[in-house]
PDB file of N, CA and C in Angstrom:
ATOM      1  N   UNK A   1    -179.481   7.270  70.499  1.00  0.00           N
ATOM      2  CA  UNK A   1    -180.490   7.415  71.520  1.00  0.00           C
ATOM      3  C   UNK A   1    -180.406   6.259  72.503  1.00  0.00           C
ATOM      4  N   UNK A   2    -180.200   5.065  71.985  1.00  0.00           N
ATOM      5  CA  UNK A   2    -180.114   3.894  72.847  1.00  0.00           C
ATOM      6  C   UNK A   2    -178.869   3.982  73.716  1.00  0.00           C
ATOM      7  N   UNK A   3    -177.779   4.506  73.150  1.00  0.00           N
ATOM      8  CA  UNK A   3    -176.539   4.642  73.908  1.00  0.00           C
ATOM      9  C   UNK A   3    -176.720   5.598  75.079  1.00  0.00           C
ATOM     10  N   UNK A   4    -177.366   6.728  74.839  1.00  0.00           N
ATOM     11  CA  UNK A   4    -177.586   7.706  75.907  1.00  0.00           C
ATOM     12  C   UNK A   4    -178.485   7.123  76.978  1.00  0.00           C
ATOM     13  N   UNK A   5    -179.520   6.407  76.566  1.00  0.00           N
ATOM     14  CA  UNK A   5    -180.442   5.788  77.512  1.00  0.00           C
ATOM     15  C   UNK A   5    -179.720   4.752  78.373  1.00  0.00           C
ATOM     16  N   UNK A   6    -178.931   3.890  77.757  1.00  0.00           N
ATOM     17  CA  UNK A   6    -178.228   2.864  78.524  1.00  0.00           C
ATOM     18  C   UNK A   6    -177.153   3.472  79.411  1.00  0.00           C
ATOM     19  N   UNK A   7    -176.492   4.530  78.956  1.00  0.00           N
ATOM     20  CA  UNK A   7    -175.494   5.210  79.764  1.00  0.00           C
ATOM     21  C   UNK A   7    -176.125   5.863  80.987  1.00  0.00           C
ATOM     22  N   UNK A   8    -177.263   6.511  80.797  1.00  0.00           N
ATOM     23  CA  UNK A   8    -177.926   7.151  81.930  1.00  0.00           C
ATOM     24  C   UNK A   8    -178.440   6.123  82.929  1.00  0.00           C
ATOM     25  N   UNK A   9    -178.925   4.995  82.468  1.00  0.00           N
ATOM     26  CA  UNK A   9    -179.376   3.935  83.374  1.00  0.00           C
ATOM     27  C   UNK A   9    -178.199   3.364  84.151  1.00  0.00           C
ATOM     28  N   UNK A  10    -177.064   3.150  83.504  1.00  0.00           N
ATOM     29  CA  UNK A  10    -175.912   2.591  84.198  1.00  0.00           C
ATOM     30  C   UNK A  10    -175.350   3.583  85.219  1.00  0.00           C
ATOM     31  N   UNK A  11    -175.351   4.859  84.918  1.00  0.00           N
ATOM     32  CA  UNK A  11    -174.899   5.854  85.889  1.00  0.00           C
ATOM     33  C   UNK A  11    -175.846   5.918  87.072  1.00  0.00           C
ATOM     34  N   UNK A  12    -177.127   5.859  86.821  1.00  0.00           N
ATOM     35  CA  UNK A  12    -178.113   5.877  87.895  1.00  0.00           C
ATOM     36  C   UNK A  12    -177.962   4.670  88.806  1.00  0.00           C
ATOM     37  N   UNK A  13    -177.767   3.509  88.238  1.00  0.00           N
ATOM     38  CA  UNK A  13    -177.589   2.295  89.042  1.00  0.00           C
ATOM     39  C   UNK A  13    -176.306   2.375  89.852  1.00  0.00           C
ATOM     40  N   UNK A  14    -175.226   2.875  89.260  1.00  0.00           N
ATOM     41  CA  UNK A  14    -173.964   2.962  90.000  1.00  0.00           C
ATOM     42  C   UNK A  14    -174.053   3.970  91.137  1.00  0.00           C
ATOM     43  N   UNK A  15    -174.830   5.032  90.979  1.00  0.00           N
ATOM     44  CA  UNK A  15    -174.982   6.003  92.059  1.00  0.00           C
ATOM     45  C   UNK A  15    -175.858   5.471  93.186  1.00  0.00           C
ATOM     46  N   UNK A  16    -176.844   4.677  92.842  1.00  0.00           N
ATOM     47  CA  UNK A  16    -177.742   4.155  93.864  1.00  0.00           C
ATOM     48  C   UNK A  16    -177.165   2.949  94.595  1.00  0.00           C
ATOM     49  N   UNK A  17    -176.203   2.272  94.001  1.00  0.00           N
ATOM     50  CA  UNK A  17    -175.670   1.044  94.584  1.00  0.00           C
ATOM     51  C   UNK A  17    -174.337   1.266  95.300  1.00  0.00           C
ATOM     52  N   UNK A  18    -174.068   2.478  95.766  1.00  0.00           N
ATOM     53  CA  UNK A  18    -172.804   2.773  96.421  1.00  0.00           C
ATOM     54  C   UNK A  18    -172.850   2.289  97.859  1.00  0.00           C
ATOM     55  N   UNK A  19    -171.786   1.617  98.280  1.00  0.00           N
ATOM     56  CA  UNK A  19    -171.674   1.171  99.652  1.00  0.00           C
ATOM     57  C   UNK A  19    -170.923   2.210 100.465  1.00  0.00           C
ATOM     58  N   UNK A  20    -170.842   2.005 101.751  1.00  0.00           N
ATOM     59  CA  UNK A  20    -170.138   2.945 102.614  1.00  0.00           C
ATOM     60  C   UNK A  20    -168.673   3.041 102.220  1.00  0.00           C
ATOM     61  N   UNK A  21    -168.149   4.250 102.233  1.00  0.00           N
ATOM     62  CA  UNK A  21    -166.774   4.468 101.816  1.00  0.00           C
ATOM     63  C   UNK A  21    -165.812   4.399 102.994  1.00  0.00           C
ATOM     64  N   UNK A  22    -166.322   4.543 104.216  1.00  0.00           N
ATOM     65  CA  UNK A  22    -165.502   4.554 105.423  1.00  0.00           C
ATOM     66  C   UNK A  22    -164.373   5.575 105.289  1.00  0.00           C
ATOM     67  N   UNK A  23    -164.720   6.752 104.816  1.00  0.00           N
ATOM     68  CA  UNK A  23    -163.740   7.807 104.607  1.00  0.00           C
ATOM     69  C   UNK A  23    -163.890   8.855 105.695  1.00  0.00           C
ATOM     70  N   UNK A  24    -162.831   9.624 105.890  1.00  0.00           N
ATOM     71  CA  UNK A  24    -162.816  10.672 106.894  1.00  0.00           C
ATOM     72  C   UNK A  24    -162.657  12.015 106.193  1.00  0.00           C
ATOM     73  N   UNK A  25    -163.551  12.934 106.509  1.00  0.00           N
ATOM     74  CA  UNK A  25    -163.442  14.286 105.973  1.00  0.00           C
ATOM     75  C   UNK A  25    -163.054  15.193 107.126  1.00  0.00           C
ATOM     76  N   UNK A  26    -161.947  15.900 106.955  1.00  0.00           N
ATOM     77  CA  UNK A  26    -161.440  16.786 107.988  1.00  0.00           C
ATOM     78  C   UNK A  26    -162.431  17.918 108.244  1.00  0.00           C
ATOM     79  N   UNK A  27    -162.670  18.288 109.489  1.00  0.00           N
ATOM     80  CA  UNK A  27    -163.603  19.385 109.770  1.00  0.00           C
ATOM     81  C   UNK A  27    -163.171  20.730 109.168  1.00  0.00           C
ATOM     82  N   UNK A  28    -161.908  20.900 108.886  1.00  0.00           N
ATOM     83  CA  UNK A  28    -161.430  22.152 108.333  1.00  0.00           C
ATOM     84  C   UNK A  28    -161.584  22.207 106.809  1.00  0.00           C
ATOM     85  N   UNK A  29    -162.156  21.189 106.215  1.00  0.00           N
ATOM     86  CA  UNK A  29    -162.327  21.163 104.765  1.00  0.00           C
ATOM     87  C   UNK A  29    -163.237  22.286 104.296  1.00  0.00           C
ATOM     88  N   UNK A  30    -164.278  22.589 105.063  1.00  0.00           N
ATOM     89  CA  UNK A  30    -165.176  23.685 104.695  1.00  0.00           C
ATOM     90  C   UNK A  30    -164.454  25.018 104.692  1.00  0.00           C
ATOM     91  N   UNK A  31    -163.584  25.243 105.663  1.00  0.00           N
ATOM     92  CA  UNK A  31    -162.816  26.477 105.702  1.00  0.00           C
ATOM     93  C   UNK A  31    -161.862  26.585 104.529  1.00  0.00           C
ATOM     94  N   UNK A  32    -161.233  25.488 104.182  1.00  0.00           N
ATOM     95  CA  UNK A  32    -160.333  25.484 103.027  1.00  0.00           C
ATOM     96  C   UNK A  32    -161.099  25.773 101.750  1.00  0.00           C
ATOM     97  N   UNK A  33    -162.270  25.175 101.621  1.00  0.00           N
ATOM     98  CA  UNK A  33    -163.100  25.412 100.443  1.00  0.00           C
ATOM     99  C   UNK A  33    -163.489  26.885 100.366  1.00  0.00           C
ATOM    100  N   UNK A  34    -163.907  27.461 101.497  1.00  0.00           N
ATOM    101  CA  UNK A  34    -164.295  28.865 101.519  1.00  0.00           C
ATOM    102  C   UNK A  34    -163.120  29.768 101.179  1.00  0.00           C
ATOM    103  N   UNK A  35    -161.946  29.455 101.690  1.00  0.00           N
ATOM    104  CA  UNK A  35    -160.773  30.276 101.427  1.00  0.00           C
ATOM    105  C   UNK A  35    -160.328  30.195  99.970  1.00  0.00           C
ATOM    106  N   UNK A  36    -160.654  29.124  99.304  1.00  0.00           N
ATOM    107  CA  UNK A  36    -160.249  29.015  97.904  1.00  0.00           C
ATOM    108  C   UNK A  36    -161.322  29.539  96.950  1.00  0.00           C
ATOM    109  N   UNK A  37    -162.582  29.517  97.343  1.00  0.00           N
ATOM    110  CA  UNK A  37    -163.660  29.952  96.458  1.00  0.00           C
ATOM    111  C   UNK A  37    -163.988  31.430  96.667  1.00  0.00           C
ATOM    112  N   UNK A  38    -163.920  31.921  97.892  1.00  0.00           N
ATOM    113  CA  UNK A  38    -164.307  33.300  98.190  1.00  0.00           C
ATOM    114  C   UNK A  38    -163.517  34.327  97.377  1.00  0.00           C
ATOM    115  N   UNK A  39    -162.189  34.238  97.254  1.00  0.00           N
ATOM    116  CA  UNK A  39    -161.486  35.240  96.439  1.00  0.00           C
ATOM    117  C   UNK A  39    -161.920  35.238  94.980  1.00  0.00           C
ATOM    118  N   UNK A  40    -162.229  34.072  94.455  1.00  0.00           N
ATOM    119  CA  UNK A  40    -162.703  33.987  93.070  1.00  0.00           C
ATOM    120  C   UNK A  40    -164.038  34.711  92.922  1.00  0.00           C
ATOM    121  N   UNK A  41    -164.957  34.464  93.842  1.00  0.00           N
ATOM    122  CA  UNK A  41    -166.275  35.106  93.791  1.00  0.00           C
ATOM    123  C   UNK A  41    -166.137  36.616  93.958  1.00  0.00           C
ATOM    124  N   UNK A  42    -165.314  37.049  94.914  1.00  0.00           N
ATOM    125  CA  UNK A  42    -165.123  38.477  95.127  1.00  0.00           C
ATOM    126  C   UNK A  42    -164.424  39.119  93.934  1.00  0.00           C
ATOM    127  N   UNK A  43    -163.552  38.424  93.289  1.00  0.00           N
ATOM    128  CA  UNK A  43    -162.900  38.948  92.094  1.00  0.00           C
ATOM    129  C   UNK A  43    -163.885  39.167  90.970  1.00  0.00           C
ATOM    130  N   UNK A  44    -164.771  38.199  90.753  1.00  0.00           N
ATOM    131  CA  UNK A  44    -165.802  38.335  89.723  1.00  0.00           C
ATOM    132  C   UNK A  44    -166.720  39.507  90.045  1.00  0.00           C
ATOM    133  N   UNK A  45    -167.113  39.644  91.316  1.00  0.00           N
ATOM    134  CA  UNK A  45    -167.965  40.761  91.706  1.00  0.00           C
ATOM    135  C   UNK A  45    -167.253  42.093  91.502  1.00  0.00           C
ATOM    136  N   UNK A  46    -165.958  42.134  91.788  1.00  0.00           N
ATOM    137  CA  UNK A  46    -165.190  43.357  91.570  1.00  0.00           C
ATOM    138  C   UNK A  46    -165.140  43.747  90.108  1.00  0.00           C
ATOM    139  N   UNK A  47    -164.958  42.776  89.237  1.00  0.00           N
ATOM    140  CA  UNK A  47    -164.938  43.052  87.799  1.00  0.00           C
ATOM    141  C   UNK A  47    -166.288  43.587  87.347  1.00  0.00           C
ATOM    142  N   UNK A  48    -167.360  43.017  87.864  1.00  0.00           N
ATOM    143  CA  UNK A  48    -168.701  43.488  87.497  1.00  0.00           C
ATOM    144  C   UNK A  48    -168.907  44.924  87.957  1.00  0.00           C
ATOM    145  N   UNK A  49    -168.460  45.243  89.190  1.00  0.00           N
ATOM    146  CA  UNK A  49    -168.623  46.605  89.699  1.00  0.00           C
ATOM    147  C   UNK A  49    -167.820  47.594  88.872  1.00  0.00           C
ATOM    148  N   UNK A  50    -166.595  47.250  88.522  1.00  0.00           N
ATOM    149  CA  UNK A  50    -165.746  48.168  87.774  1.00  0.00           C
ATOM    150  C   UNK A  50    -166.292  48.408  86.371  1.00  0.00           C
ATOM    151  N   UNK A  51    -166.778  47.378  85.726  1.00  0.00           N
ATOM    152  CA  UNK A  51    -167.247  47.500  84.347  1.00  0.00           C
ATOM    153  C   UNK A  51    -168.769  47.570  84.232  1.00  0.00           C
ATOM    154  N   UNK A  52    -169.467  47.960  85.295  1.00  0.00           N
ATOM    155  CA  UNK A  52    -170.932  47.951  85.298  1.00  0.00           C
ATOM    156  C   UNK A  52    -171.502  48.864  84.208  1.00  0.00           C
ATOM    157  N   UNK A  53    -170.943  50.056  84.046  1.00  0.00           N
ATOM    158  CA  UNK A  53    -171.467  50.981  83.030  1.00  0.00           C
ATOM    159  C   UNK A  53    -171.255  50.439  81.625  1.00  0.00           C
ATOM    160  N   UNK A  54    -170.133  49.792  81.394  1.00  0.00           N
ATOM    161  CA  UNK A  54    -169.892  49.203  80.072  1.00  0.00           C
ATOM    162  C   UNK A  54    -170.849  48.047  79.808  1.00  0.00           C
ATOM    163  N   UNK A  55    -171.099  47.236  80.849  1.00  0.00           N
ATOM    164  CA  UNK A  55    -172.000  46.086  80.688  1.00  0.00           C
ATOM    165  C   UNK A  55    -173.413  46.569  80.387  1.00  0.00           C
ATOM    166  N   UNK A  56    -173.907  47.537  81.173  1.00  0.00           N
ATOM    167  CA  UNK A  56    -175.266  48.032  80.934  1.00  0.00           C
ATOM    168  C   UNK A  56    -175.360  48.763  79.600  1.00  0.00           C
ATOM    169  N   UNK A  57    -174.308  49.495  79.234  1.00  0.00           N
ATOM    170  CA  UNK A  57    -174.313  50.170  77.937  1.00  0.00           C
ATOM    171  C   UNK A  57    -174.349  49.189  76.787  1.00  0.00           C
ATOM    172  N   UNK A  58    -173.627  48.094  76.929  1.00  0.00           N
ATOM    173  CA  UNK A  58    -173.626  47.064  75.884  1.00  0.00           C
ATOM    174  C   UNK A  58    -175.007  46.436  75.734  1.00  0.00           C
ATOM    175  N   UNK A  59    -175.641  46.118  76.868  1.00  0.00           N
ATOM    176  CA  UNK A  59    -176.968  45.497  76.815  1.00  0.00           C
ATOM    177  C   UNK A  59    -177.987  46.476  76.242  1.00  0.00           C
ATOM    178  N   UNK A  60    -177.912  47.733  76.670  1.00  0.00           N
ATOM    179  CA  UNK A  60    -178.830  48.731  76.121  1.00  0.00           C
ATOM    180  C   UNK A  60    -178.579  48.930  74.628  1.00  0.00           C
ATOM    181  N   UNK A  61    -177.318  48.853  74.225  1.00  0.00           N
ATOM    182  CA  UNK A  61    -176.984  48.986  72.816  1.00  0.00           C
ATOM    183  C   UNK A  61    -177.554  47.860  71.973  1.00  0.00           C
ATOM    184  N   UNK A  62    -177.592  46.670  72.534  1.00  0.00           N
ATOM    185  CA  UNK A  62    -178.175  45.552  71.791  1.00  0.00           C
ATOM    186  C   UNK A  62    -179.645  45.787  71.506  1.00  0.00           C
ATOM    187  N   UNK A  63    -180.374  46.264  72.506  1.00  0.00           N
ATOM    188  CA  UNK A  63    -181.797  46.504  72.304  1.00  0.00           C
ATOM    189  C   UNK A  63    -182.043  47.762  71.469  1.00  0.00           C
ATOM    190  N   UNK A  64    -181.189  48.745  71.583  1.00  0.00           N
ATOM    191  CA  UNK A  64    -181.338  49.967  70.796  1.00  0.00           C
ATOM    192  C   UNK A  64    -181.105  49.677  69.323  1.00  0.00           C
ATOM    193  N   UNK A  65    -180.188  48.806  69.005  1.00  0.00           N
ATOM    194  CA  UNK A  65    -179.938  48.456  67.600  1.00  0.00           C
ATOM    195  C   UNK A  65    -181.153  47.785  66.983  1.00  0.00           C
ATOM    196  N   UNK A  66    -181.806  46.918  67.754  1.00  0.00           N
ATOM    197  CA  UNK A  66    -182.990  46.261  67.215  1.00  0.00           C
ATOM    198  C   UNK A  66    -184.078  47.280  66.902  1.00  0.00           C
ATOM    199  N   UNK A  67    -184.281  48.251  67.781  1.00  0.00           N
ATOM    200  CA  UNK A  67    -185.300  49.273  67.542  1.00  0.00           C
ATOM    201  C   UNK A  67    -184.920  50.133  66.348  1.00  0.00           C
ATOM    202  N   UNK A  68    -183.639  50.492  66.221  1.00  0.00           N
ATOM    203  CA  UNK A  68    -183.193  51.303  65.095  1.00  0.00           C
ATOM    204  C   UNK A  68    -183.397  50.562  63.778  1.00  0.00           C
ATOM    205  N   UNK A  69    -183.096  49.268  63.760  1.00  0.00           N
ATOM    206  CA  UNK A  69    -183.277  48.486  62.540  1.00  0.00           C
ATOM    207  C   UNK A  69    -184.755  48.371  62.188  1.00  0.00           C
ATOM    208  N   UNK A  70    -185.621  48.192  63.214  1.00  0.00           N
ATOM    209  CA  UNK A  70    -187.044  48.072  62.951  1.00  0.00           C
ATOM    210  C   UNK A  70    -187.619  49.387  62.423  1.00  0.00           C
ATOM    211  N   UNK A  71    -187.192  50.510  62.968  1.00  0.00           N
ATOM    212  CA  UNK A  71    -187.719  51.792  62.498  1.00  0.00           C
ATOM    213  C   UNK A  71    -187.172  52.160  61.132  1.00  0.00           C
ATOM    214  N   UNK A  72    -185.934  51.774  60.825  1.00  0.00           N
ATOM    215  CA  UNK A  72    -185.372  52.119  59.533  1.00  0.00           C
ATOM    216  C   UNK A  72    -186.067  51.348  58.404  1.00  0.00           C
ATOM    217  N   UNK A  73    -186.511  50.136  58.653  1.00  0.00           N
ATOM    218  CA  UNK A  73    -187.214  49.376  57.614  1.00  0.00           C
ATOM    219  C   UNK A  73    -188.638  49.890  57.445  1.00  0.00           C
ATOM    220  N   UNK A  74    -189.220  50.433  58.489  1.00  0.00           N
ATOM    221  CA  UNK A  74    -190.580  50.964  58.383  1.00  0.00           C
ATOM    222  C   UNK A  74    -190.600  52.305  57.656  1.00  0.00           C
ATOM    223  N   UNK A  75    -189.539  53.089  57.824  1.00  0.00           N
ATOM    224  CA  UNK A  75    -189.493  54.382  57.194  1.00  0.00           C
ATOM    225  C   UNK A  75    -189.383  54.303  55.676  1.00  0.00           C
ATOM    226  N   UNK A  76    -188.779  53.277  55.171  1.00  0.00           N
ATOM    227  CA  UNK A  76    -188.535  53.160  53.730  1.00  0.00           C
ATOM    228  C   UNK A  76    -189.742  52.758  52.979  1.00  0.00           C
TER     229      UNK A  76
END
């Protein structure tokens, strides 16, 4: 516990005590970021669309099993 507390305090102090970096960020960096992240996001969305019925069926199956188990124990 003491280790976590001291580690979090040291990280907080190092983040607050940062001086100017005098660095240059290219204006096209946002475009590069978008071009590299957008296909990943669209790919994930495509997978969700293609397998939507399987995903919803799986979730419904999880809740249906709980109801079936609850009713089977009550019937006995």
